[in-house]
C-alpha atoms as a PDB file:
ATOM      1  CA  UNK A   1      -9.118  -2.325  22.410  1.00  0.00           C
ATOM      2  CA  UNK A   2      -9.659  -1.994  26.148  1.00  0.00           C
ATOM      3  CA  UNK A   3      -7.832  -5.292  26.668  1.00  0.00           C
ATOM      4  CA  UNK A   4      -4.607  -4.457  24.830  1.00  0.00           C
ATOM      5  CA  UNK A   5      -1.629  -5.664  26.809  1.00  0.00           C
ATOM      6  CA  UNK A   6       1.644  -3.780  27.211  1.00  0.00           C
ATOM      7  CA  UNK A   7       3.457  -6.050  24.756  1.00  0.00           C
ATOM      8  CA  UNK A   8       0.660  -5.688  22.207  1.00  0.00           C
ATOM      9  CA  UNK A   9       0.872  -1.925  22.567  1.00  0.00           C
ATOM     10  CA  UNK A  10       4.625  -2.116  22.000  1.00  0.00           C
ATOM     11  CA  UNK A  11       3.997  -4.194  18.867  1.00  0.00           C
ATOM     12  CA  UNK A  12       1.489  -1.622  17.578  1.00  0.00           C
ATOM     13  CA  UNK A  13       3.933   1.206  18.286  1.00  0.00           C
ATOM     14  CA  UNK A  14       6.633  -0.621  16.338  1.00  0.00           C
ATOM     15  CA  UNK A  15       4.212  -1.204  13.477  1.00  0.00           C
ATOM     16  CA  UNK A  16       3.276   2.496  13.479  1.00  0.00           C
ATOM     17  CA  UNK A  17       6.956   3.441  13.288  1.00  0.00           C
ATOM     18  CA  UNK A  18       7.301   1.090  10.333  1.00  0.00           C
ATOM     19  CA  UNK A  19       4.372   2.881   8.658  1.00  0.00           C
ATOM     20  CA  UNK A  20       6.334   6.134   8.660  1.00  0.00           C
ATOM     21  CA  UNK A  21       9.475   4.370   7.488  1.00  0.00           C
ATOM     22  CA  UNK A  22       7.650   2.667   4.627  1.00  0.00           C
ATOM     23  CA  UNK A  23       6.192   5.944   3.371  1.00  0.00           C
ATOM     24  CA  UNK A  24       9.568   7.662   2.969  1.00  0.00           C
ATOM     25  CA  UNK A  25      11.857   4.708   2.253  1.00  0.00           C
ATOM     26  CA  UNK A  26      10.594   1.209   1.365  1.00  0.00           C
ATOM     27  CA  UNK A  27       6.879   0.937   0.636  1.00  0.00           C
ATOM     28  CA  UNK A  28       6.836  -2.870   0.993  1.00  0.00           C
ATOM     29  CA  UNK A  29       7.555  -2.570   4.710  1.00  0.00           C
ATOM     30  CA  UNK A  30       3.970  -1.450   5.197  1.00  0.00           C
ATOM     31  CA  UNK A  31       2.692  -5.013   4.747  1.00  0.00           C
ATOM     32  CA  UNK A  32       4.432  -5.966   7.992  1.00  0.00           C
ATOM     33  CA  UNK A  33       2.528  -3.226   9.817  1.00  0.00           C
ATOM     34  CA  UNK A  34      -0.696  -4.515   8.312  1.00  0.00           C
ATOM     35  CA  UNK A  35       0.003  -8.024   9.562  1.00  0.00           C
ATOM     36  CA  UNK A  36       0.845  -6.817  13.089  1.00  0.00           C
ATOM     37  CA  UNK A  37      -2.293  -4.683  13.383  1.00  0.00           C
ATOM     38  CA  UNK A  38      -4.511  -7.504  12.128  1.00  0.00           C
ATOM     39  CA  UNK A  39      -2.874  -9.954  14.546  1.00  0.00           C
ATOM     40  CA  UNK A  40      -3.105  -7.758  17.655  1.00  0.00           C
ATOM     41  CA  UNK A  41      -6.534  -6.188  17.004  1.00  0.00           C
ATOM     42  CA  UNK A  42      -9.765  -7.559  15.543  1.00  0.00           C
ATOM     43  CA  UNK A  43      -8.927  -7.787  11.843  1.00  0.00           C
ATOM     44  CA  UNK A  44     -11.913  -5.780  10.610  1.00  0.00           C
ATOM     45  CA  UNK A  45     -11.370  -2.914  13.054  1.00  0.00           C
ATOM     46  CA  UNK A  46      -7.619  -2.923  12.476  1.00  0.00           C
ATOM     47  CA  UNK A  47      -8.089  -1.550   8.956  1.00  0.00           C
ATOM     48  CA  UNK A  48      -9.875   1.523  10.294  1.00  0.00           C
ATOM     49  CA  UNK A  49      -7.322   2.111  13.048  1.00  0.00           C
ATOM     50  CA  UNK A  50      -4.420   1.823  10.615  1.00  0.00           C
ATOM     51  CA  UNK A  51      -5.884   4.250   8.053  1.00  0.00           C
ATOM     52  CA  UNK A  52      -5.277   7.545   9.943  1.00  0.00           C
ATOM     53  CA  UNK A  53      -1.706   6.440  10.651  1.00  0.00           C
ATOM     54  CA  UNK A  54      -1.171   5.817   6.955  1.00  0.00           C
ATOM     55  CA  UNK A  55      -2.439   9.318   6.212  1.00  0.00           C
ATOM     56  CA  UNK A  56       0.059  10.803   8.675  1.00  0.00           C
ATOM     57  CA  UNK A  57       2.806   8.917   6.851  1.00  0.00           C
ATOM     58  CA  UNK A  58       1.423  10.042   3.480  1.00  0.00           C
ATOM     59  CA  UNK A  59       1.703  13.679   4.554  1.00  0.00           C
ATOM     60  CA  UNK A  60       5.410  13.243   5.281  1.00  0.00           C
ATOM     61  CA  UNK A  61       5.927  11.408   1.983  1.00  0.00           C
ATOM     62  CA  UNK A  62       4.221  14.206   0.025  1.00  0.00           C
ATOM     63  CA  UNK A  63       6.285  16.866   1.814  1.00  0.00           C
ATOM     64  CA  UNK A  64       9.435  14.994   0.816  1.00  0.00           C
ATOM     65  CA  UNK A  65       8.640  14.025  -2.789  1.00  0.00           C
ATOM     66  CA  UNK A  66       5.778  16.376  -3.761  1.00  0.00           C
ATOM     67  CA  UNK A  67       7.579  17.888  -6.759  1.00  0.00           C
ATOM     68  CA  UNK A  68       8.112  14.576  -8.535  1.00  0.00           C
ATOM     69  CA  UNK A  69       4.538  13.390  -9.166  1.00  0.00           C
ATOM     70  CA  UNK A  70       3.238  12.509 -12.625  1.00  0.00           C
ATOM     71  CA  UNK A  71      -0.298  13.919 -12.518  1.00  0.00           C
ATOM     72  CA  UNK A  72      -1.285  12.505 -15.894  1.00  0.00           C
ATOM     73  CA  UNK A  73      -0.758   9.027 -14.484  1.00  0.00           C
ATOM     74  CA  UNK A  74      -2.745   9.855 -11.352  1.00  0.00           C
ATOM     75  CA  UNK A  75      -5.690  11.223 -13.331  1.00  0.00           C
ATOM     76  CA  UNK A  76      -5.691   8.095 -15.484  1.00  0.00           C
ATOM     77  CA  UNK A  77      -5.750   5.847 -12.398  1.00  0.00           C
ATOM     78  CA  UNK A  78      -8.316   7.521 -10.149  1.00  0.00           C
ATOM     79  CA  UNK A  79     -11.604   6.490 -11.891  1.00  0.00           C
ATOM     80  CA  UNK A  80     -10.671   2.799 -11.751  1.00  0.00           C
ATOM     81  CA  UNK A  81      -9.387   3.128  -8.184  1.00  0.00           C
ATOM     82  CA  UNK A  82     -12.706   4.687  -7.154  1.00  0.00           C
ATOM     83  CA  UNK A  83     -14.555   1.684  -8.591  1.00  0.00           C
ATOM     84  CA  UNK A  84     -12.262  -0.645  -6.639  1.00  0.00           C
ATOM     85  CA  UNK A  85     -12.830   1.285  -3.395  1.00  0.00           C
ATOM     86  CA  UNK A  86     -16.606   1.034  -3.855  1.00  0.00           C
ATOM     87  CA  UNK A  87     -16.302  -2.716  -4.485  1.00  0.00           C
ATOM     88  CA  UNK A  88     -14.179  -3.071  -1.348  1.00  0.00           C
ATOM     89  CA  UNK A  89     -16.736  -1.102   0.665  1.00  0.00           C
ATOM     90  CA  UNK A  90     -19.522  -3.431  -0.491  1.00  0.00           C
ATOM     91  CA  UNK A  91     -17.402  -6.399   0.583  1.00  0.00           C
ATOM     92  CA  UNK A  92     -16.781  -4.850   4.002  1.00  0.00           C
ATOM     93  CA  UNK A  93     -20.518  -4.312   4.518  1.00  0.00           C
ATOM     94  CA  UNK A  94     -21.146  -8.029   4.913  1.00  0.00           C
ATOM     95  CA  UNK A  95     -17.717  -9.370   5.886  1.00  0.00           C
ATOM     96  CA  UNK A  96     -17.251 -10.362   9.515  1.00  0.00           C
ATOM     97  CA  UNK A  97     -13.930 -10.442  11.370  1.00  0.00           C
ATOM     98  CA  UNK A  98     -13.112 -13.977  10.176  1.00  0.00           C
ATOM     99  CA  UNK A  99     -13.747 -13.085   6.537  1.00  0.00           C
ATOM    100  CA  UNK A 100     -11.655  -9.917   6.793  1.00  0.00           C
ATOM    101  CA  UNK A 101      -8.828 -11.715   8.603  1.00  0.00           C
ATOM    102  CA  UNK A 102      -8.795 -14.445   5.960  1.00  0.00           C
ATOM    103  CA  UNK A 103      -8.911 -11.869   3.162  1.00  0.00           C
ATOM    104  CA  UNK A 104      -6.009  -9.932   4.649  1.00  0.00           C
ATOM    105  CA  UNK A 105      -3.986 -13.141   5.048  1.00  0.00           C
ATOM    106  CA  UNK A 106      -4.614 -14.143   1.440  1.00  0.00           C
ATOM    107  CA  UNK A 107      -3.828 -10.646   0.144  1.00  0.00           C
ATOM    108  CA  UNK A 108      -0.557 -10.573   2.091  1.00  0.00           C
ATOM    109  CA  UNK A 109       0.546 -13.942   0.707  1.00  0.00           C
ATOM    110  CA  UNK A 110      -0.441 -12.987  -2.839  1.00  0.00           C
ATOM    111  CA  UNK A 111       1.373  -9.658  -2.581  1.00  0.00           C
ATOM    112  CA  UNK A 112       4.493 -11.361  -1.211  1.00  0.00           C
ATOM    113  CA  UNK A 113       4.402 -13.868  -4.082  1.00  0.00           C
ATOM    114  CA  UNK A 114       3.960 -11.095  -6.625  1.00  0.00           C
ATOM    115  CA  UNK A 115       6.857  -9.157  -5.098  1.00  0.00           C
ATOM    116  CA  UNK A 116       9.151 -12.184  -5.409  1.00  0.00           C
ATOM    117  CA  UNK A 117       8.012 -12.736  -8.984  1.00  0.00           C
ATOM    118  CA  UNK A 118       8.538  -9.056  -9.792  1.00  0.00           C
ATOM    119  CA  UNK A 119      12.091  -9.109  -8.477  1.00  0.00           C
ATOM    120  CA  UNK A 120      12.985 -12.205 -10.488  1.00  0.00           C
ATOM    121  CA  UNK A 121      11.554 -10.864 -13.721  1.00  0.00           C
ATOM    122  CA  UNK A 122      12.509  -7.183 -13.337  1.00  0.00           C
ATOM    123  CA  UNK A 123      15.573  -7.443 -15.551  1.00  0.00           C
ATOM    124  CA  UNK A 124      13.792  -9.331 -18.305  1.00  0.00           C
ATOM    125  CA  UNK A 125      10.821  -6.975 -18.163  1.00  0.00           C
ATOM    126  CA  UNK A 126      13.081  -3.941 -18.492  1.00  0.00           C
ATOM    127  CA  UNK A 127      14.668  -5.428 -21.577  1.00  0.00           C
ATOM    128  CA  UNK A 128      11.330  -6.352 -23.097  1.00  0.00           C
ATOM    129  CA  UNK A 129       9.982  -2.896 -22.284  1.00  0.00           C
ATOM    130  CA  UNK A 130      12.817  -1.218 -24.152  1.00  0.00           C
ATOM    131  CA  UNK A 131      12.318  -3.490 -27.133  1.00  0.00           C
ATOM    132  CA  UNK A 132       8.562  -2.966 -27.050  1.00  0.00           C
ATOM    133  CA  UNK A 133       8.977   0.800 -26.860  1.00  0.00           C
ATOM    134  CA  UNK A 134      11.137   0.720 -29.949  1.00  0.00           C
ATOM    135  CA  UNK A 135       8.578  -1.418 -31.758  1.00  0.00           C
ATOM    136  CA  UNK A 136       5.738   0.813 -30.618  1.00  0.00           C
ATOM    137  CA  UNK A 137       7.500   3.882 -31.943  1.00  0.00           C
ATOM    138  CA  UNK A 138       7.979   2.201 -35.297  1.00  0.00           C
ATOM    139  CA  UNK A 139       4.736   0.281 -35.857  1.00  0.00           C
ATOM    140  CA  UNK A 140       2.016   0.654 -33.218  1.00  0.00           C
ATOM    141  CA  UNK A 141      -0.747   3.171 -33.969  1.00  0.00           C
ATOM    142  CA  UNK A 142      -1.031   5.901 -31.345  1.00  0.00           C
ATOM    143  CA  UNK A 143      -4.672   5.052 -30.669  1.00  0.00           C
ATOM    144  CA  UNK A 144      -3.819   1.427 -29.914  1.00  0.00           C
ATOM    145  CA  UNK A 145      -1.052   2.466 -27.523  1.00  0.00           C
ATOM    146  CA  UNK A 146      -3.414   4.738 -25.620  1.00  0.00           C
ATOM    147  CA  UNK A 147      -6.002   1.956 -25.436  1.00  0.00           C
ATOM    148  CA  UNK A 148      -3.464  -0.421 -23.915  1.00  0.00           C
ATOM    149  CA  UNK A 149      -2.408   2.229 -21.402  1.00  0.00           C
ATOM    150  CA  UNK A 150      -6.030   2.841 -20.340  1.00  0.00           C
ATOM    151  CA  UNK A 151      -6.709  -0.893 -20.041  1.00  0.00           C
ATOM    152  CA  UNK A 152      -3.587  -1.393 -17.936  1.00  0.00           C
ATOM    153  CA  UNK A 153      -4.405   1.559 -15.686  1.00  0.00           C
ATOM    154  CA  UNK A 154      -7.990   0.331 -15.311  1.00  0.00           C
ATOM    155  CA  UNK A 155      -7.058  -3.208 -14.253  1.00  0.00           C
ATOM    156  CA  UNK A 156      -4.367  -2.108 -11.801  1.00  0.00           C
ATOM    157  CA  UNK A 157      -6.577   0.697 -10.520  1.00  0.00           C
ATOM    158  CA  UNK A 158      -9.568  -1.510  -9.680  1.00  0.00           C
ATOM    159  CA  UNK A 159      -7.350  -4.094  -7.971  1.00  0.00           C
ATOM    160  CA  UNK A 160      -5.469  -1.398  -6.079  1.00  0.00           C
ATOM    161  CA  UNK A 161      -8.689   0.299  -4.952  1.00  0.00           C
ATOM    162  CA  UNK A 162     -10.181  -2.969  -3.715  1.00  0.00           C
ATOM    163  CA  UNK A 163      -7.093  -4.116  -1.823  1.00  0.00           C
ATOM    164  CA  UNK A 164      -6.517  -0.720  -0.225  1.00  0.00           C
ATOM    165  CA  UNK A 165     -10.125  -0.545   0.986  1.00  0.00           C
ATOM    166  CA  UNK A 166     -10.271  -4.090   2.348  1.00  0.00           C
ATOM    167  CA  UNK A 167      -6.774  -4.390   3.789  1.00  0.00           C
ATOM    168  CA  UNK A 168      -4.876  -1.103   3.296  1.00  0.00           C
ATOM    169  CA  UNK A 169      -2.698  -3.208   0.994  1.00  0.00           C
ATOM    170  CA  UNK A 170      -2.765  -1.294  -2.271  1.00  0.00           C
ATOM    171  CA  UNK A 171       0.939  -0.483  -2.120  1.00  0.00           C
ATOM    172  CA  UNK A 172       2.315  -3.580  -3.892  1.00  0.00           C
ATOM    173  CA  UNK A 173      -0.294  -3.283  -6.651  1.00  0.00           C
ATOM    174  CA  UNK A 174       0.549   0.340  -7.342  1.00  0.00           C
ATOM    175  CA  UNK A 175       4.261  -0.402  -7.102  1.00  0.00           C
ATOM    176  CA  UNK A 176       3.910  -3.004  -9.839  1.00  0.00           C
ATOM    177  CA  UNK A 177       1.987  -0.579 -12.025  1.00  0.00           C
ATOM    178  CA  UNK A 178       4.437   2.302 -11.608  1.00  0.00           C
ATOM    179  CA  UNK A 179       7.476   0.080 -12.130  1.00  0.00           C
ATOM    180  CA  UNK A 180       5.954  -1.520 -15.222  1.00  0.00           C
ATOM    181  CA  UNK A 181       5.260   1.991 -16.535  1.00  0.00           C
ATOM    182  CA  UNK A 182       8.979   2.743 -16.368  1.00  0.00           C
ATOM    183  CA  UNK A 183       9.027   5.223 -13.462  1.00  0.00           C
ATOM    184  CA  UNK A 184      12.421   6.088 -12.037  1.00  0.00           C
ATOM    185  CA  UNK A 185      13.057   6.454  -8.314  1.00  0.00           C
ATOM    186  CA  UNK A 186      11.956  10.044  -7.665  1.00  0.00           C
ATOM    187  CA  UNK A 187       9.029   9.875 -10.066  1.00  0.00           C
ATOM    188  CA  UNK A 188       7.961   6.615  -8.452  1.00  0.00           C
ATOM    189  CA  UNK A 189       8.138   8.039  -4.930  1.00  0.00           C
ATOM    190  CA  UNK A 190       6.428  11.340  -5.797  1.00  0.00           C
ATOM    191  CA  UNK A 191       3.578   9.785  -7.773  1.00  0.00           C
ATOM    192  CA  UNK A 192       3.054   7.097  -5.145  1.00  0.00           C
ATOM    193  CA  UNK A 193       3.058   9.655  -2.308  1.00  0.00           C
ATOM    194  CA  UNK A 194       0.352  11.821  -3.855  1.00  0.00           C
ATOM    195  CA  UNK A 195      -1.652   8.771  -4.934  1.00  0.00           C
ATOM    196  CA  UNK A 196      -1.943   7.307  -1.459  1.00  0.00           C
ATOM    197  CA  UNK A 197      -2.533  10.603   0.301  1.00  0.00           C
ATOM    198  CA  UNK A 198      -5.501  11.347  -1.969  1.00  0.00           C
ATOM    199  CA  UNK A 199      -6.886   7.798  -1.935  1.00  0.00           C
ATOM    200  CA  UNK A 200      -6.492   7.279   1.808  1.00  0.00           C
ATOM    201  CA  UNK A 201      -8.178  10.587   2.624  1.00  0.00           C
ATOM    202  CA  UNK A 202     -11.006   9.660   0.241  1.00  0.00           C
ATOM    203  CA  UNK A 203     -11.426   6.342   2.094  1.00  0.00           C
ATOM    204  CA  UNK A 204     -12.110   8.039   5.438  1.00  0.00           C
ATOM    205  CA  UNK A 205     -15.868   8.657   4.887  1.00  0.00           C
ATOM    206  CA  UNK A 206     -16.313   5.051   3.773  1.00  0.00           C
ATOM    207  CA  UNK A 207     -14.495   3.753   6.863  1.00  0.00           C
ATOM    208  CA  UNK A 208     -16.534   6.012   9.144  1.00  0.00           C
ATOM    209  CA  UNK A 209     -19.739   4.799   7.511  1.00  0.00           C
ATOM    210  CA  UNK A 210     -18.678   1.194   8.034  1.00  0.00           C
ATOM    211  CA  UNK A 211     -17.982   1.894  11.713  1.00  0.00           C
ATOM    212  CA  UNK A 212     -14.262   1.218  11.310  1.00  0.00           C
ATOM    213  CA  UNK A 213     -13.287   4.697  12.533  1.00  0.00           C
ATOM    214  CA  UNK A 214     -14.837   6.139  15.671  1.00  0.00           C
ATOM    215  CA  UNK A 215     -13.862   8.069  18.769  1.00  0.00           C
ATOM    216  CA  UNK A 216     -12.193   5.074  20.447  1.00  0.00           C
ATOM    217  CA  UNK A 217     -10.100   4.197  17.391  1.00  0.00           C
ATOM    218  CA  UNK A 218      -9.010   7.818  16.947  1.00  0.00           C
ATOM    219  CA  UNK A 219      -7.923   7.953  20.583  1.00  0.00           C
ATOM    220  CA  UNK A 220      -5.602   5.003  19.980  1.00  0.00           C
ATOM    221  CA  UNK A 221      -4.433   6.611  16.724  1.00  0.00           C
ATOM    222  CA  UNK A 222      -3.552   9.830  18.553  1.00  0.00           C
ATOM    223  CA  UNK A 223      -0.973   7.973  20.613  1.00  0.00           C
ATOM    224  CA  UNK A 224       0.339   5.778  17.807  1.00  0.00           C
ATOM    225  CA  UNK A 225       0.684   8.725  15.404  1.00  0.00           C
ATOM    226  CA  UNK A 226       3.580   9.949  17.547  1.00  0.00           C
ATOM    227  CA  UNK A 227       5.444   6.801  16.508  1.00  0.00           C
ATOM    228  CA  UNK A 228       4.857   7.381  12.789  1.00  0.00           C
ATOM    229  CA  UNK A 229       6.827  10.638  12.804  1.00  0.00           C
ATOM    230  CA  UNK A 230      10.266   9.268  13.840  1.00  0.00           C
ATOM    231  CA  UNK A 231       9.780   6.398  11.387  1.00  0.00           C
ATOM    232  CA  UNK A 232       9.226   8.886   8.556  1.00  0.00           C
ATOM    233  CA  UNK A 233      12.341  10.885   9.458  1.00  0.00           C
ATOM    234  CA  UNK A 234      14.377   7.678   9.762  1.00  0.00           C
ATOM    235  CA  UNK A 235      13.235   6.600   6.297  1.00  0.00           C
ATOM    236  CA  UNK A 236      14.300   9.948   4.811  1.00  0.00           C
ATOM    237  CA  UNK A 237      17.705   9.637   6.464  1.00  0.00           C
ATOM    238  CA  UNK A 238      18.524   6.116   5.274  1.00  0.00           C
ATOM    239  CA  UNK A 239      16.649   5.820   1.974  1.00  0.00           C
ATOM    240  CA  UNK A 240      19.848   6.219  -0.061  1.00  0.00           C
ATOM    241  CA  UNK A 241      21.980   3.985   2.159  1.00  0.00           C
ATOM    242  CA  UNK A 242      19.747   1.034   2.939  1.00  0.00           C
ATOM    243  CA  UNK A 243      20.640  -2.416   1.636  1.00  0.00           C
ATOM    244  CA  UNK A 244      17.528  -2.719  -0.492  1.00  0.00           C
ATOM    245  CA  UNK A 245      17.839  -6.401  -1.356  1.00  0.00           C
ATOM    246  CA  UNK A 246      18.364  -7.562   2.240  1.00  0.00           C
ATOM    247  CA  UNK A 247      15.575  -5.377   3.551  1.00  0.00           C
ATOM    248  CA  UNK A 248      13.115  -6.579   0.906  1.00  0.00           C
ATOM    249  CA  UNK A 249      13.919 -10.186   1.807  1.00  0.00           C
ATOM    250  CA  UNK A 250      13.188  -9.492   5.472  1.00  0.00           C
ATOM    251  CA  UNK A 251       9.943  -7.713   4.577  1.00  0.00           C
ATOM    252  CA  UNK A 252       8.822 -10.586   2.348  1.00  0.00           C
ATOM    253  CA  UNK A 253       9.611 -13.165   5.039  1.00  0.00           C
ATOM    254  CA  UNK A 254       7.752 -11.190   7.709  1.00  0.00           C
ATOM    255  CA  UNK A 255       4.797 -10.674   5.359  1.00  0.00           C
ATOM    256  CA  UNK A 256       4.542 -14.390   4.612  1.00  0.00           C
ATOM    257  CA  UNK A 257       4.708 -15.266   8.311  1.00  0.00           C
ATOM    258  CA  UNK A 258       2.055 -12.666   9.077  1.00  0.00           C
ATOM    259  CA  UNK A 259      -0.235 -13.918   6.326  1.00  0.00           C
ATOM    260  CA  UNK A 260       0.098 -17.532   7.416  1.00  0.00           C
ATOM    261  CA  UNK A 261      -0.533 -16.572  11.034  1.00  0.00           C
ATOM    262  CA  UNK A 262      -3.752 -14.785  10.092  1.00  0.00           C
ATOM    263  CA  UNK A 263      -4.979 -17.773   8.060  1.00  0.00           C
ATOM    264  CA  UNK A 264      -4.251 -20.224  10.883  1.00  0.00           C
ATOM    265  CA  UNK A 265      -5.520 -18.012  13.706  1.00  0.00           C
END
């Protein structure tokens, strides 16, 4: 970190601003920040430096959407997420910078692919979900429906916990889960805001124990955190006016480029 150039610092500041924007407007934008941090800094250390900035953004998201969380969903998710975080911590114990960089690159490309797939199938899934809900109400035993819900929450939770611990990339996983569960905009934003604030704060002791957060990283975070704040306010101001489709396309393209760059680096 002592050798960061001016242009690299500018790139990190831009990525930090995008962190705030993603927390209050478009969560997928966060993958671009992840790619920039992993490209400018050592990949392994970049996850620890990015975490406090994410928490700053989470605080703004919770202040904005705190009244719209579905706590039953959060309680159902947390045990599986905890297992995923522990698995990610074990991975980080032995992974060197090359392994982490490769893992982040792969996760970014997979998440971008899943996002494209989700967009293409969203309409069909909504239709099938309505039909399935009608069938469930008529024929599915309540116990079976609860079992399916627990299994779904468990699988998404473990994957989300692992990806957020290894690469701070749990956003797309949780987005898929919440959308598949039928959450509308405010419920989605409120539940997601509380989820990531709680999970990211819980990750701090693990990151400190792994040596990913220390005095030097927090010093850099102190400066970059100032860039998160305007990004969060900008997201709140434009969330209802942004061209969602165009922005998502740009985010996906940047994520793919970032993932490829990390794999080829």
